[in-house]
């Protein structure tokens, strides 16, 4: 059960809060349960995941026409379909020109061996 919990201090770090009391208020505002065990406080990571998913759905619905397909591609981790759905470029030409400057003799020897092969 403990693996389904996230410590509030860790969540505060992820959300860039300086004080744990602020993250407690954030959790209460967004209806995430706070569980106190000993000196530490936790929230349930499933509730956090649901909150993030709902916020993402609201954003996608407000900004894209095909929101359901976009959300499905995010859940399936299909980056190519996601990029196509939001009209993002799928691939970019990468510059393959490298500097001829070598910083060490060992690096130069390696390059010479590589060129000779």
Protein backbone atom coordinates (compact mmCIF):
# COMPACT_ATOMS: atom_id res chain seq x y z
CA UNK A 1 0.00 0.00 0.00
CA UNK A 2 2.83 2.41 0.80
CA UNK A 3 4.03 2.33 -2.84
CA UNK A 4 0.74 3.96 -3.85
CA UNK A 5 1.48 6.95 -1.62
CA UNK A 6 3.59 9.99 -2.39
CA UNK A 7 5.17 12.04 0.38
CA UNK A 8 3.99 15.65 0.47
CA UNK A 9 7.59 16.92 0.62
CA UNK A 10 8.36 15.06 -2.61
CA UNK A 11 5.21 16.44 -4.23
CA UNK A 12 6.14 19.94 -3.06
CA UNK A 13 9.52 19.56 -4.76
CA UNK A 14 7.90 18.35 -7.98
CA UNK A 15 5.46 21.27 -8.01
CA UNK A 16 8.16 23.76 -6.96
CA UNK A 17 6.57 24.70 -3.62
CA UNK A 18 8.91 25.92 -0.91
CA UNK A 19 6.72 25.07 2.09
CA UNK A 20 4.88 21.82 2.77
CA UNK A 21 1.96 23.79 4.24
CA UNK A 22 1.39 25.29 0.79
CA UNK A 23 1.20 21.86 -0.78
CA UNK A 24 -1.25 20.78 1.93
CA UNK A 25 -3.51 23.67 0.90
CA UNK A 26 -3.06 22.72 -2.76
CA UNK A 27 -4.06 19.12 -1.99
CA UNK A 28 -7.17 20.24 -0.07
CA UNK A 29 -8.13 22.67 -2.84
CA UNK A 30 -7.84 19.92 -5.46
CA UNK A 31 -9.51 17.27 -3.28
CA UNK A 32 -6.44 15.05 -2.83
CA UNK A 33 -6.52 13.17 0.48
CA UNK A 34 -3.77 13.82 3.03
CA UNK A 35 -2.70 10.88 5.18
CA UNK A 36 -0.52 11.43 8.24
CA UNK A 37 1.74 8.58 9.31
CA UNK A 38 4.15 9.39 12.09
CA UNK A 39 5.88 12.68 11.31
CA UNK A 40 5.30 12.48 7.57
CA UNK A 41 2.28 13.30 5.45
CA UNK A 42 1.31 11.56 2.23
CA UNK A 43 -1.26 11.69 -0.52
CA UNK A 44 -2.48 8.86 -2.74
CA UNK A 45 -0.70 8.93 -6.11
CA UNK A 46 -3.80 7.61 -7.93
CA UNK A 47 -5.71 10.76 -6.92
CA UNK A 48 -2.79 12.85 -8.18
CA UNK A 49 -2.80 10.95 -11.48
CA UNK A 50 -6.55 11.54 -11.85
CA UNK A 51 -6.12 15.24 -11.14
CA UNK A 52 -3.38 15.51 -13.80
CA UNK A 53 -5.46 13.55 -16.31
CA UNK A 54 -8.49 15.79 -15.73
CA UNK A 55 -6.42 18.95 -16.14
CA UNK A 56 -4.90 17.54 -19.33
CA UNK A 57 -8.37 16.67 -20.68
CA UNK A 58 -9.59 20.21 -20.00
CA UNK A 59 -6.58 21.68 -21.81
CA UNK A 60 -6.86 19.36 -24.81
CA UNK A 61 -10.62 19.91 -25.16
CA UNK A 62 -10.16 23.67 -25.02
CA UNK A 63 -7.39 23.76 -27.62
CA UNK A 64 -7.98 20.89 -30.08
CA UNK A 65 -10.95 19.59 -32.04
CA UNK A 66 -10.01 15.89 -31.85
CA UNK A 67 -9.56 15.75 -28.07
CA UNK A 68 -10.56 12.11 -27.60
CA UNK A 69 -8.08 10.83 -30.20
CA UNK A 70 -5.32 12.97 -28.67
CA UNK A 71 -6.05 11.64 -25.18
CA UNK A 72 -6.04 8.07 -26.53
CA UNK A 73 -2.65 8.60 -28.19
CA UNK A 74 -1.29 9.99 -24.91
CA UNK A 75 -2.57 6.96 -22.97
CA UNK A 76 -1.14 4.58 -25.60
CA UNK A 77 2.15 6.53 -25.60
CA UNK A 78 1.93 6.77 -29.40
CA UNK A 79 4.17 9.75 -30.06
CA UNK A 80 3.86 9.66 -33.85
CA UNK A 81 0.06 9.66 -33.82
CA UNK A 82 0.08 12.35 -31.12
CA UNK A 83 2.38 14.56 -33.19
CA UNK A 84 0.20 14.10 -36.26
CA UNK A 85 -2.97 14.90 -34.32
CA UNK A 86 -1.60 18.17 -32.97
CA UNK A 87 0.06 19.03 -36.31
CA UNK A 88 3.56 18.93 -34.87
CA UNK A 89 6.50 18.00 -37.08
CA UNK A 90 7.27 14.31 -36.64
CA UNK A 91 10.88 14.45 -37.72
CA UNK A 92 13.47 17.10 -38.23
CA UNK A 93 16.64 17.06 -40.26
CA UNK A 94 19.55 16.93 -37.90
CA UNK A 95 22.72 18.80 -38.65
CA UNK A 96 25.48 16.19 -38.96
CA UNK A 97 28.42 18.51 -39.39
CA UNK A 98 30.84 18.10 -36.52
CA UNK A 99 33.77 20.17 -35.46
CA UNK A 100 37.14 18.89 -36.67
CA UNK A 101 38.74 20.13 -33.44
CA UNK A 102 39.95 17.33 -31.20
CA UNK A 103 40.64 17.90 -27.52
CA UNK A 104 43.06 15.09 -26.76
CA UNK A 105 45.59 12.76 -28.35
CA UNK A 106 43.53 9.72 -27.29
CA UNK A 107 40.49 11.15 -29.07
CA UNK A 108 42.55 11.86 -32.19
CA UNK A 109 43.94 8.29 -32.15
CA UNK A 110 40.40 6.91 -31.88
CA UNK A 111 39.22 9.04 -34.80
CA UNK A 112 42.19 7.95 -36.90
CA UNK A 113 41.45 4.26 -36.17
CA UNK A 114 37.80 4.83 -37.02
CA UNK A 115 38.67 6.54 -40.32
CA UNK A 116 41.12 3.74 -41.22
CA UNK A 117 38.49 1.02 -40.80
